[in-house]
Amino acid sequence: MVTPEGVANARWAGQHGGMDYEYAPLRLPPNVDRLTAAAQLAIQAEFSGWELARVRLYRDGTRQVVLRRRRVNQPQPGLSY
């Protein structure tokens, strides 16, 4: 599951290049391997419209992932935790 302990569930909005985006930061612990993280993020991309904006890998093995999607006026599903 992409939502282990320590996941930041705050979302913020921003503008990049004239487009409005909604951002969702995630923090993955070191025990989540790359293949599992990729599979869970692909599911979020497929069903909720999220795309990968940034990944940072820290020395202790944790990953900080930032997902983004375009903001629209109609409701969209959130991240599934």
PDB file of N, CA and C in Angstrom:
ATOM      1  N   MET A   1       0.837  -1.174   0.000  1.00  0.00           N
ATOM      2  CA  MET A   1       0.000   0.000   0.000  1.00  0.00           C
ATOM      3  C   MET A   1       0.883   1.240   0.000  1.00  0.00           C
ATOM      4  N   VAL A   2       0.505   2.247  -0.713  1.00  0.00           N
ATOM      5  CA  VAL A   2       1.295   3.456  -0.835  1.00  0.00           C
ATOM      6  C   VAL A   2       1.211   4.298   0.428  1.00  0.00           C
ATOM      7  N   THR A   3       0.301   4.011   1.303  1.00  0.00           N
ATOM      8  CA  THR A   3       0.086   4.874   2.443  1.00  0.00           C
ATOM      9  C   THR A   3       0.561   4.268   3.740  1.00  0.00           C
ATOM     10  N   PRO A   4       1.820   4.061   3.924  1.00  0.00           N
ATOM     11  CA  PRO A   4       2.325   3.571   5.194  1.00  0.00           C
ATOM     12  C   PRO A   4       2.330   4.698   6.215  1.00  0.00           C
ATOM     13  N   GLU A   5       2.797   4.377   7.401  1.00  0.00           N
ATOM     14  CA  GLU A   5       2.858   5.409   8.426  1.00  0.00           C
ATOM     15  C   GLU A   5       3.752   6.546   7.971  1.00  0.00           C
ATOM     16  N   GLY A   6       3.396   7.727   8.379  1.00  0.00           N
ATOM     17  CA  GLY A   6       4.193   8.897   8.040  1.00  0.00           C
ATOM     18  C   GLY A   6       3.827   9.556   6.733  1.00  0.00           C
ATOM     19  N   VAL A   7       2.727   9.151   6.094  1.00  0.00           N
ATOM     20  CA  VAL A   7       2.332   9.762   4.837  1.00  0.00           C
ATOM     21  C   VAL A   7       1.707  11.123   5.114  1.00  0.00           C
ATOM     22  N   ALA A   8       2.163  12.102   4.400  1.00  0.00           N
ATOM     23  CA  ALA A   8       1.562  13.431   4.521  1.00  0.00           C
ATOM     24  C   ALA A   8       0.339  13.454   3.623  1.00  0.00           C
ATOM     25  N   ASN A   9      -0.817  13.729   4.179  1.00  0.00           N
ATOM     26  CA  ASN A   9      -2.028  13.696   3.371  1.00  0.00           C
ATOM     27  C   ASN A   9      -2.516  15.089   3.004  1.00  0.00           C
ATOM     28  N   ALA A  10      -1.691  16.094   3.193  1.00  0.00           N
ATOM     29  CA  ALA A  10      -2.081  17.459   2.826  1.00  0.00           C
ATOM     30  C   ALA A  10      -2.025  17.614   1.315  1.00  0.00           C
ATOM     31  N   ARG A  11      -2.919  18.413   0.788  1.00  0.00           N
ATOM     32  CA  ARG A  11      -2.900  18.726  -0.631  1.00  0.00           C
ATOM     33  C   ARG A  11      -2.788  20.228  -0.779  1.00  0.00           C
ATOM     34  N   TRP A  12      -2.165  20.651  -1.828  1.00  0.00           N
ATOM     35  CA  TRP A  12      -2.107  22.079  -2.092  1.00  0.00           C
ATOM     36  C   TRP A  12      -2.277  22.293  -3.579  1.00  0.00           C
ATOM     37  N   ALA A  13      -2.650  23.487  -3.924  1.00  0.00           N
ATOM     38  CA  ALA A  13      -2.877  23.835  -5.318  1.00  0.00           C
ATOM     39  C   ALA A  13      -1.781  24.781  -5.771  1.00  0.00           C
ATOM     40  N   GLY A  14      -1.494  24.743  -7.042  1.00  0.00           N
ATOM     41  CA  GLY A  14      -0.477  25.627  -7.572  1.00  0.00           C
ATOM     42  C   GLY A  14      -0.678  25.846  -9.052  1.00  0.00           C
ATOM     43  N   GLN A  15       0.012  26.811  -9.576  1.00  0.00           N
ATOM     44  CA  GLN A  15      -0.039  27.084 -10.990  1.00  0.00           C
ATOM     45  C   GLN A  15       1.341  26.874 -11.571  1.00  0.00           C
ATOM     46  N   HIS A  16       1.381  26.170 -12.669  1.00  0.00           N
ATOM     47  CA  HIS A  16       2.645  25.902 -13.332  1.00  0.00           C
ATOM     48  C   HIS A  16       2.429  26.054 -14.823  1.00  0.00           C
ATOM     49  N   GLY A  17       3.073  27.026 -15.412  1.00  0.00           N
ATOM     50  CA  GLY A  17       2.969  27.216 -16.857  1.00  0.00           C
ATOM     51  C   GLY A  17       1.567  27.576 -17.325  1.00  0.00           C
ATOM     52  N   GLY A  18       0.794  28.276 -16.499  1.00  0.00           N
ATOM     53  CA  GLY A  18      -0.545  28.667 -16.909  1.00  0.00           C
ATOM     54  C   GLY A  18      -1.611  27.631 -16.626  1.00  0.00           C
ATOM     55  N   MET A  19      -1.237  26.468 -16.111  1.00  0.00           N
ATOM     56  CA  MET A  19      -2.206  25.422 -15.791  1.00  0.00           C
ATOM     57  C   MET A  19      -2.328  25.282 -14.285  1.00  0.00           C
ATOM     58  N   ASP A  20      -3.525  25.035 -13.827  1.00  0.00           N
ATOM     59  CA  ASP A  20      -3.749  24.799 -12.406  1.00  0.00           C
ATOM     60  C   ASP A  20      -3.582  23.324 -12.102  1.00  0.00           C
ATOM     61  N   TYR A  21      -2.808  23.027 -11.079  1.00  0.00           N
ATOM     62  CA  TYR A  21      -2.588  21.656 -10.647  1.00  0.00           C
ATOM     63  C   TYR A  21      -2.928  21.513  -9.171  1.00  0.00           C
ATOM     64  N   GLU A  22      -3.329  20.324  -8.809  1.00  0.00           N
ATOM     65  CA  GLU A  22      -3.529  19.939  -7.424  1.00  0.00           C
ATOM     66  C   GLU A  22      -2.393  18.975  -7.094  1.00  0.00           C
ATOM     67  N   TYR A  23      -1.743  19.148  -5.951  1.00  0.00           N
ATOM     68  CA  TYR A  23      -0.588  18.331  -5.573  1.00  0.00           C
ATOM     69  C   TYR A  23      -0.898  17.520  -4.327  1.00  0.00           C
ATOM     70  N   ALA A  24      -0.343  16.325  -4.265  1.00  0.00           N
ATOM     71  CA  ALA A  24      -0.506  15.463  -3.088  1.00  0.00           C
ATOM     72  C   ALA A  24       0.855  14.863  -2.739  1.00  0.00           C
ATOM     73  N   PRO A  25       1.432  15.263  -1.613  1.00  0.00           N
ATOM     74  CA  PRO A  25       2.726  14.693  -1.205  1.00  0.00           C
ATOM     75  C   PRO A  25       2.539  13.368  -0.462  1.00  0.00           C
ATOM     76  N   LEU A  26       3.427  12.434  -0.709  1.00  0.00           N
ATOM     77  CA  LEU A  26       3.447  11.143  -0.013  1.00  0.00           C
ATOM     78  C   LEU A  26       4.858  10.895   0.483  1.00  0.00           C
ATOM     79  N   ARG A  27       4.967  10.199   1.592  1.00  0.00           N
ATOM     80  CA  ARG A  27       6.276   9.799   2.098  1.00  0.00           C
ATOM     81  C   ARG A  27       6.250   8.293   2.262  1.00  0.00           C
ATOM     82  N   LEU A  28       7.136   7.607   1.554  1.00  0.00           N
ATOM     83  CA  LEU A  28       7.204   6.143   1.588  1.00  0.00           C
ATOM     84  C   LEU A  28       8.378   5.705   2.452  1.00  0.00           C
ATOM     85  N   PRO A  29       8.145   4.797   3.393  1.00  0.00           N
ATOM     86  CA  PRO A  29       9.230   4.348   4.267  1.00  0.00           C
ATOM     87  C   PRO A  29      10.213   3.445   3.522  1.00  0.00           C
ATOM     88  N   PRO A  30      11.360   3.178   4.121  1.00  0.00           N
ATOM     89  CA  PRO A  30      12.385   2.383   3.436  1.00  0.00           C
ATOM     90  C   PRO A  30      11.984   0.940   3.158  1.00  0.00           C
ATOM     91  N   ASN A  31      10.993   0.410   3.887  1.00  0.00           N
ATOM     92  CA  ASN A  31      10.616  -0.995   3.677  1.00  0.00           C
ATOM     93  C   ASN A  31       9.705  -1.197   2.463  1.00  0.00           C
ATOM     94  N   VAL A  32       9.298  -0.118   1.778  1.00  0.00           N
ATOM     95  CA  VAL A  32       8.510  -0.230   0.548  1.00  0.00           C
ATOM     96  C   VAL A  32       9.489  -0.262  -0.617  1.00  0.00           C
ATOM     97  N   ASP A  33       9.524  -1.384  -1.319  1.00  0.00           N
ATOM     98  CA  ASP A  33      10.473  -1.484  -2.430  1.00  0.00           C
ATOM     99  C   ASP A  33       9.968  -0.720  -3.656  1.00  0.00           C
ATOM    100  N   ARG A  34      10.849  -0.553  -4.599  1.00  0.00           N
ATOM    101  CA  ARG A  34      10.568   0.264  -5.773  1.00  0.00           C
ATOM    102  C   ARG A  34       9.429  -0.305  -6.610  1.00  0.00           C
ATOM    103  N   LEU A  35       9.385  -1.607  -6.775  1.00  0.00           N
ATOM    104  CA  LEU A  35       8.354  -2.247  -7.587  1.00  0.00           C
ATOM    105  C   LEU A  35       6.970  -2.070  -6.969  1.00  0.00           C
ATOM    106  N   THR A  36       6.867  -2.231  -5.652  1.00  0.00           N
ATOM    107  CA  THR A  36       5.591  -2.050  -4.963  1.00  0.00           C
ATOM    108  C   THR A  36       5.128  -0.607  -5.062  1.00  0.00           C
ATOM    109  N   ALA A  37       6.031   0.329  -4.843  1.00  0.00           N
ATOM    110  CA  ALA A  37       5.682   1.749  -4.939  1.00  0.00           C
ATOM    111  C   ALA A  37       5.218   2.094  -6.351  1.00  0.00           C
ATOM    112  N   ALA A  38       5.912   1.587  -7.358  1.00  0.00           N
ATOM    113  CA  ALA A  38       5.548   1.868  -8.744  1.00  0.00           C
ATOM    114  C   ALA A  38       4.166   1.315  -9.073  1.00  0.00           C
ATOM    115  N   ALA A  39       3.853   0.117  -8.595  1.00  0.00           N
ATOM    116  CA  ALA A  39       2.548  -0.481  -8.851  1.00  0.00           C
ATOM    117  C   ALA A  39       1.429   0.327  -8.209  1.00  0.00           C
ATOM    118  N   GLN A  40       1.604   0.744  -6.969  1.00  0.00           N
ATOM    119  CA  GLN A  40       0.582   1.525  -6.277  1.00  0.00           C
ATOM    120  C   GLN A  40       0.399   2.902  -6.919  1.00  0.00           C
ATOM    121  N   LEU A  41       1.494   3.529  -7.317  1.00  0.00           N
ATOM    122  CA  LEU A  41       1.389   4.830  -7.965  1.00  0.00           C
ATOM    123  C   LEU A  41       0.730   4.711  -9.340  1.00  0.00           C
ATOM    124  N   ALA A  42       0.960   3.618 -10.035  1.00  0.00           N
ATOM    125  CA  ALA A  42       0.309   3.385 -11.332  1.00  0.00           C
ATOM    126  C   ALA A  42      -1.199   3.233 -11.169  1.00  0.00           C
ATOM    127  N   ILE A  43      -1.622   2.590 -10.089  1.00  0.00           N
ATOM    128  CA  ILE A  43      -3.053   2.447  -9.815  1.00  0.00           C
ATOM    129  C   ILE A  43      -3.676   3.819  -9.576  1.00  0.00           C
ATOM    130  N   GLN A  44      -3.009   4.665  -8.792  1.00  0.00           N
ATOM    131  CA  GLN A  44      -3.512   6.010  -8.540  1.00  0.00           C
ATOM    132  C   GLN A  44      -3.593   6.811  -9.842  1.00  0.00           C
ATOM    133  N   ALA A  45      -2.609   6.648 -10.696  1.00  0.00           N
ATOM    134  CA  ALA A  45      -2.596   7.364 -11.970  1.00  0.00           C
ATOM    135  C   ALA A  45      -3.753   6.908 -12.851  1.00  0.00           C
ATOM    136  N   GLU A  46      -4.005   5.613 -12.885  1.00  0.00           N
ATOM    137  CA  GLU A  46      -5.043   5.059 -13.752  1.00  0.00           C
ATOM    138  C   GLU A  46      -6.444   5.462 -13.319  1.00  0.00           C
ATOM    139  N   PHE A  47      -6.728   5.377 -12.037  1.00  0.00           N
ATOM    140  CA  PHE A  47      -8.106   5.549 -11.576  1.00  0.00           C
ATOM    141  C   PHE A  47      -8.416   6.923 -10.999  1.00  0.00           C
ATOM    142  N   SER A  48      -7.427   7.688 -10.617  1.00  0.00           N
ATOM    143  CA  SER A  48      -7.683   8.988 -10.001  1.00  0.00           C
ATOM    144  C   SER A  48      -7.069  10.153 -10.765  1.00  0.00           C
ATOM    145  N   GLY A  49      -6.370   9.878 -11.838  1.00  0.00           N
ATOM    146  CA  GLY A  49      -5.830  10.942 -12.669  1.00  0.00           C
ATOM    147  C   GLY A  49      -4.547  11.579 -12.177  1.00  0.00           C
ATOM    148  N   TRP A  50      -3.863  10.973 -11.214  1.00  0.00           N
ATOM    149  CA  TRP A  50      -2.621  11.543 -10.684  1.00  0.00           C
ATOM    150  C   TRP A  50      -1.460  11.194 -11.598  1.00  0.00           C
ATOM    151  N   GLU A  51      -0.487  12.088 -11.673  1.00  0.00           N
ATOM    152  CA  GLU A  51       0.762  11.815 -12.384  1.00  0.00           C
ATOM    153  C   GLU A  51       1.921  12.148 -11.455  1.00  0.00           C
ATOM    154  N   LEU A  52       3.039  11.542 -11.729  1.00  0.00           N
ATOM    155  CA  LEU A  52       4.217  11.735 -10.895  1.00  0.00           C
ATOM    156  C   LEU A  52       4.856  13.084 -11.210  1.00  0.00           C
ATOM    157  N   ALA A  53       5.017  13.906 -10.178  1.00  0.00           N
ATOM    158  CA  ALA A  53       5.640  15.219 -10.374  1.00  0.00           C
ATOM    159  C   ALA A  53       7.094  15.199  -9.909  1.00  0.00           C
ATOM    160  N   ARG A  54       7.374  14.510  -8.793  1.00  0.00           N
ATOM    161  CA  ARG A  54       8.729  14.525  -8.237  1.00  0.00           C
ATOM    162  C   ARG A  54       8.917  13.335  -7.302  1.00  0.00           C
ATOM    163  N   VAL A  55      10.124  12.792  -7.299  1.00  0.00           N
ATOM    164  CA  VAL A  55      10.507  11.754  -6.339  1.00  0.00           C
ATOM    165  C   VAL A  55      11.872  12.116  -5.782  1.00  0.00           C
ATOM    166  N   ARG A  56      11.985  12.069  -4.477  1.00  0.00           N
ATOM    167  CA  ARG A  56      13.283  12.266  -3.824  1.00  0.00           C
ATOM    168  C   ARG A  56      13.584  11.020  -3.007  1.00  0.00           C
ATOM    169  N   LEU A  57      14.761  10.482  -3.192  1.00  0.00           N
ATOM    170  CA  LEU A  57      15.213   9.325  -2.428  1.00  0.00           C
ATOM    171  C   LEU A  57      16.235   9.807  -1.407  1.00  0.00           C
ATOM    172  N   TYR A  58      15.978   9.509  -0.136  1.00  0.00           N
ATOM    173  CA  TYR A  58      16.865   9.947   0.936  1.00  0.00           C
ATOM    174  C   TYR A  58      17.816   8.822   1.334  1.00  0.00           C
ATOM    175  N   ARG A  59      18.878   9.179   2.019  1.00  0.00           N
ATOM    176  CA  ARG A  59      19.911   8.209   2.404  1.00  0.00           C
ATOM    177  C   ARG A  59      19.371   7.062   3.243  1.00  0.00           C
ATOM    178  N   ASP A  60      18.357   7.340   4.065  1.00  0.00           N
ATOM    179  CA  ASP A  60      17.807   6.284   4.919  1.00  0.00           C
ATOM    180  C   ASP A  60      16.860   5.359   4.161  1.00  0.00           C
ATOM    181  N   GLY A  61      16.619   5.619   2.879  1.00  0.00           N
ATOM    182  CA  GLY A  61      15.781   4.756   2.060  1.00  0.00           C
ATOM    183  C   GLY A  61      14.356   5.243   1.890  1.00  0.00           C
ATOM    184  N   THR A  62      13.963   6.287   2.601  1.00  0.00           N
ATOM    185  CA  THR A  62      12.617   6.810   2.425  1.00  0.00           C
ATOM    186  C   THR A  62      12.537   7.591   1.122  1.00  0.00           C
ATOM    187  N   ARG A  63      11.344   7.626   0.577  1.00  0.00           N
ATOM    188  CA  ARG A  63      11.099   8.360  -0.653  1.00  0.00           C
ATOM    189  C   ARG A  63      10.044   9.419  -0.389  1.00  0.00           C
ATOM    190  N   GLN A  64      10.258  10.602  -0.905  1.00  0.00           N
ATOM    191  CA  GLN A  64       9.249  11.645  -0.879  1.00  0.00           C
ATOM    192  C   GLN A  64       8.714  11.754  -2.299  1.00  0.00           C
ATOM    193  N   VAL A  65       7.445  11.465  -2.464  1.00  0.00           N
ATOM    194  CA  VAL A  65       6.800  11.451  -3.770  1.00  0.00           C
ATOM    195  C   VAL A  65       5.780  12.579  -3.802  1.00  0.00           C
ATOM    196  N   VAL A  66       5.750  13.314  -4.892  1.00  0.00           N
ATOM    197  CA  VAL A  66       4.736  14.342  -5.084  1.00  0.00           C
ATOM    198  C   VAL A  66       3.957  13.987  -6.341  1.00  0.00           C
ATOM    199  N   LEU A  67       2.648  13.811  -6.174  1.00  0.00           N
ATOM    200  CA  LEU A  67       1.757  13.535  -7.292  1.00  0.00           C
ATOM    201  C   LEU A  67       1.036  14.818  -7.653  1.00  0.00           C
ATOM    202  N   ARG A  68       0.636  14.939  -8.912  1.00  0.00           N
ATOM    203  CA  ARG A  68      -0.129  16.102  -9.320  1.00  0.00           C
ATOM    204  C   ARG A  68      -1.182  15.678 -10.336  1.00  0.00           C
ATOM    205  N   ARG A  69      -2.225  16.503 -10.430  1.00  0.00           N
ATOM    206  CA  ARG A  69      -3.238  16.339 -11.467  1.00  0.00           C
ATOM    207  C   ARG A  69      -3.840  17.694 -11.758  1.00  0.00           C
ATOM    208  N   ARG A  70      -4.362  17.833 -12.946  1.00  0.00           N
ATOM    209  CA  ARG A  70      -4.973  19.096 -13.335  1.00  0.00           C
ATOM    210  C   ARG A  70      -6.255  19.306 -12.545  1.00  0.00           C
ATOM    211  N   ARG A  71      -6.463  20.537 -12.152  1.00  0.00           N
ATOM    212  CA  ARG A  71      -7.690  20.879 -11.426  1.00  0.00           C
ATOM    213  C   ARG A  71      -8.811  21.087 -12.428  1.00  0.00           C
ATOM    214  N   VAL A  72      -9.943  20.500 -12.133  1.00  0.00           N
ATOM    215  CA  VAL A  72     -11.147  20.672 -12.955  1.00  0.00           C
ATOM    216  C   VAL A  72     -12.293  21.054 -12.030  1.00  0.00           C
ATOM    217  N   ASN A  73     -13.369  21.562 -12.602  1.00  0.00           N
ATOM    218  CA  ASN A  73     -14.497  22.011 -11.799  1.00  0.00           C
ATOM    219  C   ASN A  73     -15.355  20.870 -11.263  1.00  0.00           C
ATOM    220  N   GLN A  74     -15.302  19.714 -11.889  1.00  0.00           N
ATOM    221  CA  GLN A  74     -16.107  18.596 -11.420  1.00  0.00           C
ATOM    222  C   GLN A  74     -15.310  17.772 -10.399  1.00  0.00           C
ATOM    223  N   PRO A  75     -16.005  17.141  -9.457  1.00  0.00           N
ATOM    224  CA  PRO A  75     -15.295  16.373  -8.425  1.00  0.00           C
ATOM    225  C   PRO A  75     -14.541  15.179  -8.999  1.00  0.00           C
ATOM    226  N   GLN A  76     -13.351  14.923  -8.445  1.00  0.00           N
ATOM    227  CA  GLN A  76     -12.541  13.785  -8.839  1.00  0.00           C
ATOM    228  C   GLN A  76     -12.251  12.952  -7.597  1.00  0.00           C
ATOM    229  N   PRO A  77     -12.004  11.654  -7.784  1.00  0.00           N
ATOM    230  CA  PRO A  77     -11.676  10.831  -6.613  1.00  0.00           C
ATOM    231  C   PRO A  77     -10.342  11.242  -6.021  1.00  0.00           C
ATOM    232  N   GLY A  78     -10.221  11.117  -4.702  1.00  0.00           N
ATOM    233  CA  GLY A  78      -8.979  11.446  -4.025  1.00  0.00           C
ATOM    234  C   GLY A  78      -8.035  10.262  -4.012  1.00  0.00           C
ATOM    235  N   LEU A  79      -6.964  10.381  -3.267  1.00  0.00           N
ATOM    236  CA  LEU A  79      -6.034   9.280  -3.098  1.00  0.00           C
ATOM    237  C   LEU A  79      -6.699   8.200  -2.249  1.00  0.00           C
ATOM    238  N   SER A  80      -6.497   6.958  -2.592  1.00  0.00           N
ATOM    239  CA  SER A  80      -7.051   5.876  -1.773  1.00  0.00           C
ATOM    240  C   SER A  80      -5.981   5.445  -0.795  1.00  0.00           C
ATOM    241  N   TYR A  81      -6.276   5.608   0.470  1.00  0.00           N
ATOM    242  CA  TYR A  81      -5.302   5.306   1.512  1.00  0.00           C
ATOM    243  C   TYR A  81      -5.516   3.931   2.058  1.00  0.00           C
TER     244      TYR A  81
END
